[in-house]
Amino acid sequence: MTSIHIGVVMGSSSDWDTMQHAVEILRQFDIAHEARVVSAHRMPDDMFAYAEAAAGRGLKAIIAGAGGAAHLPGMLAAKTPVPVLGVPVASRHLQGVDSLHSIVQMPKGIPVATFAIGAAGAANAALFAVALLANADAALRTRLLAFRAEQTAAARAMTLPPPAAV
């Protein structure tokens, strides 16, 4: 049985549209992971149990996506020594700015690494988790460096229209 290294959690199933981008990156790097709903508001006992068991289950990081009040990342961070990577999920009324502010404003002693709102943030949180794991895995580090080199090459290959004649 492969042990799970990264937990991907979200406050509700509606957050999946954003959080699936983290899972896609983890799959691309063949990182063992789990994805589940663990709501801070609707299932706090389950959330606390998840956080308290995370280190003992071998999780190396938790990517937590939350919209609106966005309590999930901070509540998890308060209950586990496992690094928590917060992803603000866009909300209907404030486009995720409320989520971003909620996650980034943790009190001293409750560290949550905070990423961009939405899909880019979810993907970057997963890449950050890959980088954490790559510190202890040379083969994974090589794959991560190759991924970054591919991104650089793709950016260099982008063509722009020729400048307009003046």
N, C-alpha and C. Protein backbone atom coordinates (compact mmCIF):
# COMPACT_ATOMS: atom_id res chain seq x y z
N MET A 1 0.83 -1.19 0.00
CA MET A 1 0.00 0.00 0.00
C MET A 1 0.88 1.25 0.00
N THR A 2 0.59 2.19 -0.88
CA THR A 2 1.32 3.44 -0.95
C THR A 2 0.80 4.38 0.12
N SER A 3 1.72 4.97 0.88
CA SER A 3 1.27 5.90 1.90
C SER A 3 0.92 7.24 1.25
N ILE A 4 -0.07 7.90 1.81
CA ILE A 4 -0.53 9.19 1.33
C ILE A 4 0.44 10.25 1.84
N HIS A 5 0.91 11.12 0.95
CA HIS A 5 1.85 12.17 1.35
C HIS A 5 1.21 13.54 1.47
N ILE A 6 0.20 13.79 0.65
CA ILE A 6 -0.42 15.11 0.62
C ILE A 6 -1.93 14.96 0.78
N GLY A 7 -2.48 15.74 1.68
CA GLY A 7 -3.93 15.80 1.82
C GLY A 7 -4.44 17.03 1.09
N VAL A 8 -5.48 16.87 0.31
CA VAL A 8 -6.14 18.00 -0.36
C VAL A 8 -7.56 18.03 0.22
N VAL A 9 -7.84 19.08 0.95
CA VAL A 9 -9.14 19.17 1.60
C VAL A 9 -9.82 20.48 1.22
N MET A 10 -11.13 20.46 1.30
CA MET A 10 -11.91 21.65 0.95
C MET A 10 -13.14 21.70 1.83
N GLY A 11 -13.69 22.90 1.95
CA GLY A 11 -14.84 23.10 2.82
C GLY A 11 -16.14 22.53 2.29
N SER A 12 -16.27 22.41 0.98
CA SER A 12 -17.48 21.82 0.40
C SER A 12 -17.15 21.29 -0.99
N SER A 13 -18.04 20.47 -1.51
CA SER A 13 -17.82 19.89 -2.84
C SER A 13 -17.79 20.96 -3.93
N SER A 14 -18.40 22.11 -3.68
CA SER A 14 -18.37 23.18 -4.68
C SER A 14 -16.96 23.75 -4.86
N ASP A 15 -16.07 23.49 -3.92
CA ASP A 15 -14.68 23.95 -4.03
C ASP A 15 -13.86 23.08 -4.98
N TRP A 16 -14.41 21.94 -5.40
CA TRP A 16 -13.68 21.00 -6.25
C TRP A 16 -13.25 21.64 -7.57
N ASP A 17 -14.06 22.52 -8.14
CA ASP A 17 -13.70 23.16 -9.39
C ASP A 17 -12.33 23.85 -9.29
N THR A 18 -12.03 24.39 -8.13
CA THR A 18 -10.72 25.01 -7.90
C THR A 18 -9.69 23.98 -7.47
N MET A 19 -10.03 23.15 -6.52
CA MET A 19 -9.04 22.26 -5.91
C MET A 19 -8.59 21.12 -6.82
N GLN A 20 -9.38 20.82 -7.86
CA GLN A 20 -8.95 19.77 -8.79
C GLN A 20 -7.64 20.14 -9.47
N HIS A 21 -7.31 21.41 -9.54
CA HIS A 21 -6.06 21.83 -10.16
C HIS A 21 -4.85 21.42 -9.31
N ALA A 22 -5.02 21.37 -8.01
CA ALA A 22 -3.96 20.85 -7.14
C ALA A 22 -3.79 19.36 -7.36
N VAL A 23 -4.90 18.65 -7.44
CA VAL A 23 -4.86 17.20 -7.64
C VAL A 23 -4.22 16.86 -8.98
N GLU A 24 -4.51 17.63 -10.01
CA GLU A 24 -3.91 17.39 -11.33
C GLU A 24 -2.39 17.47 -11.26
N ILE A 25 -1.86 18.46 -10.56
CA ILE A 25 -0.40 18.60 -10.42
C ILE A 25 0.17 17.42 -9.64
N LEU A 26 -0.48 17.05 -8.55
CA LEU A 26 0.01 15.92 -7.75
C LEU A 26 0.01 14.64 -8.59
N ARG A 27 -1.01 14.44 -9.38
CA ARG A 27 -1.04 13.27 -10.27
C ARG A 27 0.09 13.32 -11.29
N GLN A 28 0.33 14.49 -11.83
CA GLN A 28 1.38 14.65 -12.84
C GLN A 28 2.74 14.23 -12.28
N PHE A 29 2.96 14.47 -10.99
CA PHE A 29 4.22 14.11 -10.35
C PHE A 29 4.14 12.76 -9.63
N ASP A 30 3.05 12.04 -9.80
CA ASP A 30 2.84 10.74 -9.15
C ASP A 30 2.99 10.82 -7.63
N ILE A 31 2.45 11.88 -7.04
CA ILE A 31 2.50 12.06 -5.59
C ILE A 31 1.24 11.43 -4.99
N ALA A 32 1.45 10.53 -4.04
CA ALA A 32 0.32 9.90 -3.36
C ALA A 32 -0.45 10.97 -2.59
N HIS A 33 -1.75 11.01 -2.79
CA HIS A 33 -2.57 12.05 -2.18
C HIS A 33 -3.98 11.53 -1.93
N GLU A 34 -4.71 12.33 -1.18
CA GLU A 34 -6.13 12.08 -0.96
C GLU A 34 -6.84 13.40 -1.14
N ALA A 35 -8.08 13.35 -1.53
CA ALA A 35 -8.90 14.57 -1.66
C ALA A 35 -10.23 14.31 -0.99
N ARG A 36 -10.63 15.23 -0.13
CA ARG A 36 -11.90 15.05 0.58
C ARG A 36 -12.45 16.37 1.08
N VAL A 37 -13.73 16.35 1.38
CA VAL A 37 -14.39 17.50 2.01
C VAL A 37 -14.26 17.33 3.52
N VAL A 38 -13.77 18.38 4.15
CA VAL A 38 -13.65 18.42 5.61
C VAL A 38 -14.03 19.84 6.02
N SER A 39 -15.29 20.07 6.23
CA SER A 39 -15.79 21.42 6.49
C SER A 39 -15.54 21.86 7.93
N ALA A 40 -14.97 23.05 8.07
CA ALA A 40 -14.75 23.62 9.40
C ALA A 40 -16.08 23.96 10.08
N HIS A 41 -17.09 24.30 9.28
CA HIS A 41 -18.36 24.73 9.85
C HIS A 41 -19.38 23.60 9.98
N ARG A 42 -19.42 22.71 9.00
CA ARG A 42 -20.45 21.67 8.99
C ARG A 42 -20.01 20.38 9.67
N MET A 43 -18.71 20.17 9.78
CA MET A 43 -18.20 18.92 10.37
C MET A 43 -16.92 19.18 11.17
N PRO A 44 -17.00 20.07 12.18
CA PRO A 44 -15.79 20.44 12.91
C PRO A 44 -15.11 19.27 13.62
N ASP A 45 -15.87 18.31 14.13
CA ASP A 45 -15.24 17.17 14.79
C ASP A 45 -14.41 16.35 13.80
N ASP A 46 -14.95 16.15 12.59
CA ASP A 46 -14.20 15.44 11.55
C ASP A 46 -12.95 16.22 11.16
N MET A 47 -13.08 17.55 11.06
CA MET A 47 -11.94 18.39 10.70
C MET A 47 -10.84 18.29 11.74
N PHE A 48 -11.22 18.37 13.03
CA PHE A 48 -10.21 18.25 14.09
C PHE A 48 -9.56 16.88 14.08
N ALA A 49 -10.34 15.83 13.88
CA ALA A 49 -9.79 14.47 13.83
C ALA A 49 -8.83 14.34 12.65
N TYR A 50 -9.18 14.91 11.51
CA TYR A 50 -8.30 14.87 10.34
C TYR A 50 -6.97 15.55 10.65
N ALA A 51 -7.03 16.74 11.21
CA ALA A 51 -5.83 17.50 11.53
C ALA A 51 -4.97 16.78 12.56
N GLU A 52 -5.59 16.29 13.60
CA GLU A 52 -4.84 15.65 14.68
C GLU A 52 -4.18 14.34 14.24
N ALA A 53 -4.76 13.66 13.26
CA ALA A 53 -4.21 12.38 12.79
C ALA A 53 -3.24 12.55 11.62
N ALA A 54 -3.15 13.73 11.05
CA ALA A 54 -2.39 13.95 9.81
C ALA A 54 -0.93 13.51 9.92
N ALA A 55 -0.22 13.96 10.92
CA ALA A 55 1.20 13.61 11.05
C ALA A 55 1.37 12.11 11.26
N GLY A 56 0.55 11.53 12.09
CA GLY A 56 0.64 10.09 12.35
C GLY A 56 0.34 9.24 11.14
N ARG A 57 -0.45 9.78 10.21
CA ARG A 57 -0.75 9.06 8.97
C ARG A 57 0.31 9.27 7.91
N GLY A 58 1.30 10.11 8.21
CA GLY A 58 2.39 10.32 7.27
C GLY A 58 2.21 11.47 6.31
N LEU A 59 1.18 12.30 6.50
CA LEU A 59 1.02 13.45 5.61
C LEU A 59 2.20 14.39 5.78
N LYS A 60 2.69 14.89 4.66
CA LYS A 60 3.81 15.84 4.66
C LYS A 60 3.33 17.27 4.49
N ALA A 61 2.12 17.44 3.96
CA ALA A 61 1.51 18.76 3.80
C ALA A 61 0.01 18.56 3.57
N ILE A 62 -0.74 19.60 3.92
CA ILE A 62 -2.17 19.64 3.66
C ILE A 62 -2.45 20.87 2.82
N ILE A 63 -3.06 20.67 1.67
CA ILE A 63 -3.51 21.78 0.83
C ILE A 63 -4.98 21.97 1.15
N ALA A 64 -5.30 23.12 1.73
CA ALA A 64 -6.66 23.38 2.20
C ALA A 64 -7.28 24.53 1.43
N GLY A 65 -8.34 24.23 0.71
CA GLY A 65 -9.06 25.25 -0.04
C GLY A 65 -10.33 25.63 0.69
N ALA A 66 -10.59 26.93 0.73
CA ALA A 66 -11.80 27.39 1.42
C ALA A 66 -12.25 28.72 0.84
N GLY A 67 -13.55 28.87 0.75
CA GLY A 67 -14.13 30.11 0.28
C GLY A 67 -14.84 30.82 1.40
N GLY A 68 -15.32 32.01 1.12
CA GLY A 68 -16.08 32.78 2.11
C GLY A 68 -15.26 33.10 3.34
N ALA A 69 -15.71 32.64 4.49
CA ALA A 69 -15.01 32.91 5.73
C ALA A 69 -13.65 32.21 5.81
N ALA A 70 -13.49 31.14 5.05
CA ALA A 70 -12.20 30.46 4.88
C ALA A 70 -11.53 30.07 6.19
N HIS A 71 -12.27 29.48 7.09
CA HIS A 71 -11.69 29.07 8.37
C HIS A 71 -10.88 27.78 8.29
N LEU A 72 -11.12 26.97 7.29
CA LEU A 72 -10.52 25.63 7.23
C LEU A 72 -8.99 25.64 7.33
N PRO A 73 -8.26 26.40 6.52
CA PRO A 73 -6.80 26.33 6.62
C PRO A 73 -6.27 26.69 8.01
N GLY A 74 -6.77 27.74 8.58
CA GLY A 74 -6.29 28.15 9.90
C GLY A 74 -6.66 27.18 11.00
N MET A 75 -7.87 26.64 10.95
CA MET A 75 -8.29 25.67 11.97
C MET A 75 -7.44 24.41 11.88
N LEU A 76 -7.14 23.96 10.66
CA LEU A 76 -6.26 22.80 10.49
C LEU A 76 -4.87 23.11 11.05
N ALA A 77 -4.34 24.28 10.69
CA ALA A 77 -2.99 24.65 11.14
C ALA A 77 -2.91 24.73 12.66
N ALA A 78 -4.01 25.09 13.31
CA ALA A 78 -4.02 25.17 14.77
C ALA A 78 -3.97 23.80 15.43
N LYS A 79 -4.31 22.75 14.67
CA LYS A 79 -4.43 21.42 15.27
C LYS A 79 -3.42 20.40 14.76
N THR A 80 -2.47 20.81 13.88
CA THR A 80 -1.50 19.85 13.35
C THR A 80 -0.14 20.51 13.16
N PRO A 81 0.94 19.74 13.31
CA PRO A 81 2.26 20.28 12.99
C PRO A 81 2.58 20.16 11.49
N VAL A 82 1.71 19.51 10.73
CA VAL A 82 1.92 19.35 9.29
C VAL A 82 1.71 20.70 8.61
N PRO A 83 2.60 21.10 7.69
CA PRO A 83 2.42 22.38 7.00
C PRO A 83 1.08 22.43 6.27
N VAL A 84 0.39 23.58 6.41
CA VAL A 84 -0.89 23.79 5.76
C VAL A 84 -0.69 24.86 4.69
N LEU A 85 -1.14 24.54 3.48
CA LEU A 85 -1.04 25.43 2.34
C LEU A 85 -2.44 25.89 1.98
N GLY A 86 -2.73 27.16 2.20
CA GLY A 86 -4.09 27.67 2.03
C GLY A 86 -4.37 28.18 0.64
N VAL A 87 -5.48 27.77 0.09
CA VAL A 87 -5.92 28.21 -1.23
C VAL A 87 -7.27 28.91 -1.09
N PRO A 88 -7.30 30.22 -1.33
CA PRO A 88 -8.58 30.91 -1.31
C PRO A 88 -9.42 30.52 -2.53
N VAL A 89 -10.64 30.13 -2.28
CA VAL A 89 -11.56 29.76 -3.35
C VAL A 89 -12.46 30.97 -3.61
N ALA A 90 -12.62 31.30 -4.88
CA ALA A 90 -13.44 32.46 -5.24
C ALA A 90 -14.86 32.30 -4.72
N SER A 91 -15.36 33.34 -4.13
CA SER A 91 -16.73 33.35 -3.63
C SER A 91 -17.61 34.15 -4.58
N ARG A 92 -18.89 33.97 -4.45
CA ARG A 92 -19.84 34.60 -5.37
C ARG A 92 -19.83 36.12 -5.25
N HIS A 93 -19.75 36.64 -4.04
CA HIS A 93 -19.91 38.08 -3.87
C HIS A 93 -18.62 38.87 -3.92
N LEU A 94 -17.54 38.32 -3.41
CA LEU A 94 -16.29 39.09 -3.33
C LEU A 94 -15.16 38.47 -4.14
N GLN A 95 -15.47 37.54 -5.01
CA GLN A 95 -14.53 36.92 -5.93
C GLN A 95 -13.30 36.30 -5.25
N GLY A 96 -13.41 35.95 -3.99
CA GLY A 96 -12.33 35.30 -3.28
C GLY A 96 -11.45 36.21 -2.45
N VAL A 97 -11.65 37.51 -2.56
CA VAL A 97 -10.84 38.44 -1.77
C VAL A 97 -11.10 38.23 -0.29
N ASP A 98 -12.36 37.94 0.07
CA ASP A 98 -12.68 37.66 1.47
C ASP A 98 -11.93 36.40 1.94
N SER A 99 -11.87 35.39 1.09
CA SER A 99 -11.17 34.15 1.43
C SER A 99 -9.68 34.41 1.60
N LEU A 100 -9.12 35.16 0.67
CA LEU A 100 -7.69 35.49 0.74
C LEU A 100 -7.36 36.21 2.04
N HIS A 101 -8.14 37.22 2.37
CA HIS A 101 -7.88 37.98 3.60
C HIS A 101 -8.02 37.10 4.84
N SER A 102 -9.00 36.23 4.83
CA SER A 102 -9.21 35.36 5.98
C SER A 102 -8.03 34.40 6.17
N ILE A 103 -7.52 33.85 5.09
CA ILE A 103 -6.44 32.87 5.19
C ILE A 103 -5.11 33.55 5.52
N VAL A 104 -4.85 34.68 4.89
CA VAL A 104 -3.54 35.31 5.06
C VAL A 104 -3.40 35.99 6.43
N GLN A 105 -4.50 36.29 7.09
CA GLN A 105 -4.45 37.01 8.36
C GLN A 105 -4.52 36.09 9.58
N MET A 106 -3.74 35.03 9.57
CA MET A 106 -3.71 34.13 10.72
C MET A 106 -3.00 34.80 11.89
N PRO A 107 -3.42 34.49 13.10
CA PRO A 107 -2.73 35.05 14.25
C PRO A 107 -1.33 34.47 14.38
N LYS A 108 -0.46 35.20 15.04
CA LYS A 108 0.90 34.73 15.29
C LYS A 108 0.86 33.34 15.92
N GLY A 109 1.66 32.44 15.37
CA GLY A 109 1.71 31.08 15.89
C GLY A 109 0.85 30.09 15.12
N ILE A 110 0.06 30.57 14.17
CA ILE A 110 -0.78 29.69 13.35
C ILE A 110 -0.36 29.91 11.89
N PRO A 111 0.77 29.31 11.47
CA PRO A 111 1.25 29.57 10.12
C PRO A 111 0.46 28.82 9.04
N VAL A 112 0.07 29.56 8.03
CA VAL A 112 -0.57 28.99 6.85
C VAL A 112 0.08 29.66 5.64
N ALA A 113 0.74 28.88 4.81
CA ALA A 113 1.25 29.43 3.55
C ALA A 113 0.04 29.72 2.68
N THR A 114 -0.04 30.92 2.13
CA THR A 114 -1.23 31.32 1.40
C THR A 114 -0.89 31.56 -0.06
N PHE A 115 -1.73 31.06 -0.93
CA PHE A 115 -1.51 31.14 -2.37
C PHE A 115 -2.58 32.00 -3.03
N ALA A 116 -2.46 32.19 -4.32
CA ALA A 116 -3.38 33.03 -5.07
C ALA A 116 -4.80 32.48 -5.03
N ILE A 117 -5.74 33.33 -5.32
CA ILE A 117 -7.15 32.94 -5.39
C ILE A 117 -7.36 32.04 -6.60
N GLY A 118 -8.05 30.93 -6.40
CA GLY A 118 -8.51 30.11 -7.51
C GLY A 118 -7.55 29.06 -8.02
N ALA A 119 -7.72 28.70 -9.29
CA ALA A 119 -7.01 27.58 -9.92
C ALA A 119 -5.50 27.76 -9.87
N ALA A 120 -5.01 28.96 -10.14
CA ALA A 120 -3.56 29.20 -10.11
C ALA A 120 -3.02 28.94 -8.70
N GLY A 121 -3.75 29.37 -7.70
CA GLY A 121 -3.32 29.14 -6.32
C GLY A 121 -3.31 27.67 -5.96
N ALA A 122 -4.32 26.93 -6.42
CA ALA A 122 -4.38 25.49 -6.15
C ALA A 122 -3.21 24.77 -6.81
N ALA A 123 -2.93 25.10 -8.08
CA ALA A 123 -1.81 24.48 -8.78
C ALA A 123 -0.49 24.84 -8.11
N ASN A 124 -0.33 26.10 -7.72
CA ASN A 124 0.93 26.52 -7.07
C ASN A 124 1.09 25.90 -5.69
N ALA A 125 0.00 25.72 -4.97
CA ALA A 125 0.09 25.05 -3.67
C ALA A 125 0.58 23.62 -3.87
N ALA A 126 0.09 22.94 -4.90
CA ALA A 126 0.55 21.58 -5.18
C ALA A 126 2.01 21.57 -5.59
N LEU A 127 2.43 22.54 -6.40
CA LEU A 127 3.85 22.62 -6.77
C LEU A 127 4.73 22.91 -5.56
N PHE A 128 4.22 23.70 -4.63
CA PHE A 128 4.95 23.96 -3.39
C PHE A 128 5.08 22.66 -2.58
N ALA A 129 4.01 21.89 -2.53
CA ALA A 129 4.06 20.60 -1.83
C ALA A 129 5.06 19.67 -2.51
N VAL A 130 5.08 19.66 -3.84
CA VAL A 130 6.07 18.85 -4.57
C VAL A 130 7.47 19.30 -4.19
N ALA A 131 7.70 20.60 -4.13
CA ALA A 131 9.02 21.12 -3.76
C ALA A 131 9.40 20.70 -2.34
N LEU A 132 8.44 20.71 -1.42
CA LEU A 132 8.72 20.24 -0.05
C LEU A 132 9.20 18.79 -0.07
N LEU A 133 8.47 17.96 -0.80
CA LEU A 133 8.83 16.54 -0.89
C LEU A 133 10.16 16.35 -1.61
N ALA A 134 10.45 17.20 -2.60
CA ALA A 134 11.67 17.08 -3.39
C ALA A 134 12.93 17.35 -2.57
N ASN A 135 12.79 18.00 -1.43
CA ASN A 135 13.95 18.22 -0.56
C ASN A 135 14.56 16.92 -0.08
N ALA A 136 13.76 15.87 0.01
CA ALA A 136 14.23 14.58 0.51
C ALA A 136 14.21 13.51 -0.58
N ASP A 137 14.00 13.90 -1.84
CA ASP A 137 13.87 12.93 -2.91
C ASP A 137 14.53 13.49 -4.17
N ALA A 138 15.75 13.04 -4.45
CA ALA A 138 16.52 13.58 -5.57
C ALA A 138 15.82 13.34 -6.91
N ALA A 139 15.19 12.19 -7.08
CA ALA A 139 14.50 11.91 -8.35
C ALA A 139 13.33 12.86 -8.55
N LEU A 140 12.59 13.13 -7.49
CA LEU A 140 11.48 14.07 -7.59
C LEU A 140 12.01 15.48 -7.87
N ARG A 141 13.12 15.84 -7.25
CA ARG A 141 13.72 17.15 -7.49
C ARG A 141 14.08 17.30 -8.97
N THR A 142 14.64 16.25 -9.56
CA THR A 142 14.99 16.27 -10.97
C THR A 142 13.75 16.47 -11.83
N ARG A 143 12.67 15.79 -11.50
CA ARG A 143 11.41 15.94 -12.25
C ARG A 143 10.84 17.35 -12.10
N LEU A 144 10.95 17.91 -10.89
CA LEU A 144 10.45 19.27 -10.67
C LEU A 144 11.28 20.27 -11.48
N LEU A 145 12.58 20.10 -11.49
CA LEU A 145 13.43 21.00 -12.28
C LEU A 145 13.12 20.89 -13.77
N ALA A 146 12.86 19.67 -14.24
CA ALA A 146 12.50 19.47 -15.65
C ALA A 146 11.16 20.15 -15.95
N PHE A 147 10.20 20.05 -15.03
CA PHE A 147 8.91 20.71 -15.20
C PHE A 147 9.10 22.22 -15.33
N ARG A 148 9.93 22.78 -14.45
CA ARG A 148 10.17 24.23 -14.50
C ARG A 148 10.89 24.63 -15.78
N ALA A 149 11.82 23.80 -16.23
CA ALA A 149 12.52 24.09 -17.49
C ALA A 149 11.55 24.07 -18.66
N GLU A 150 10.59 23.14 -18.64
CA GLU A 150 9.57 23.09 -19.69
C GLU A 150 8.72 24.35 -19.68
N GLN A 151 8.38 24.84 -18.50
CA GLN A 151 7.60 26.07 -18.41
C GLN A 151 8.39 27.25 -18.98
N THR A 152 9.68 27.31 -18.67
CA THR A 152 10.53 28.38 -19.18
C THR A 152 10.63 28.30 -20.70
N ALA A 153 10.85 27.10 -21.21
CA ALA A 153 10.95 26.92 -22.66
C ALA A 153 9.65 27.33 -23.35
N ALA A 154 8.52 26.97 -22.77
CA ALA A 154 7.23 27.34 -23.35
C ALA A 154 7.05 28.85 -23.36
N ALA A 155 7.49 29.52 -22.31
CA ALA A 155 7.38 30.98 -22.26
C ALA A 155 8.27 31.61 -23.32
N ARG A 156 9.48 31.07 -23.49
CA ARG A 156 10.39 31.61 -24.50
C ARG A 156 9.87 31.37 -25.91
N ALA A 157 9.13 30.30 -26.10
CA ALA A 157 8.62 29.95 -27.43
C ALA A 157 7.38 30.75 -27.83
N MET A 158 6.80 31.45 -26.88
CA MET A 158 5.62 32.25 -27.21
C MET A 158 5.98 33.31 -28.22
N THR A 159 5.15 33.43 -29.21
CA THR A 159 5.41 34.44 -30.23
C THR A 159 4.40 35.56 -30.08
N LEU A 160 4.89 36.74 -30.26
CA LEU A 160 4.02 37.92 -30.20
C LEU A 160 3.88 38.47 -31.60
N PRO A 161 2.82 39.17 -31.85
CA PRO A 161 2.70 39.77 -33.18
C PRO A 161 3.83 40.80 -33.38
N PRO A 162 4.26 40.96 -34.62
CA PRO A 162 5.32 41.95 -34.86
C PRO A 162 4.85 43.34 -34.48
N PRO A 163 5.79 44.17 -34.06
CA PRO A 163 5.38 45.53 -33.68
C PRO A 163 4.78 46.27 -34.88
N ALA A 164 3.83 47.08 -34.58
CA ALA A 164 3.16 47.85 -35.64
C ALA A 164 4.11 48.90 -36.19
N ALA A 165 4.05 49.07 -37.47
CA ALA A 165 4.88 50.11 -38.10
C ALA A 165 4.33 51.48 -37.69
N VAL A 166 5.23 52.37 -37.44
CA VAL A 166 4.82 53.72 -37.02
C VAL A 166 4.86 54.66 -38.18
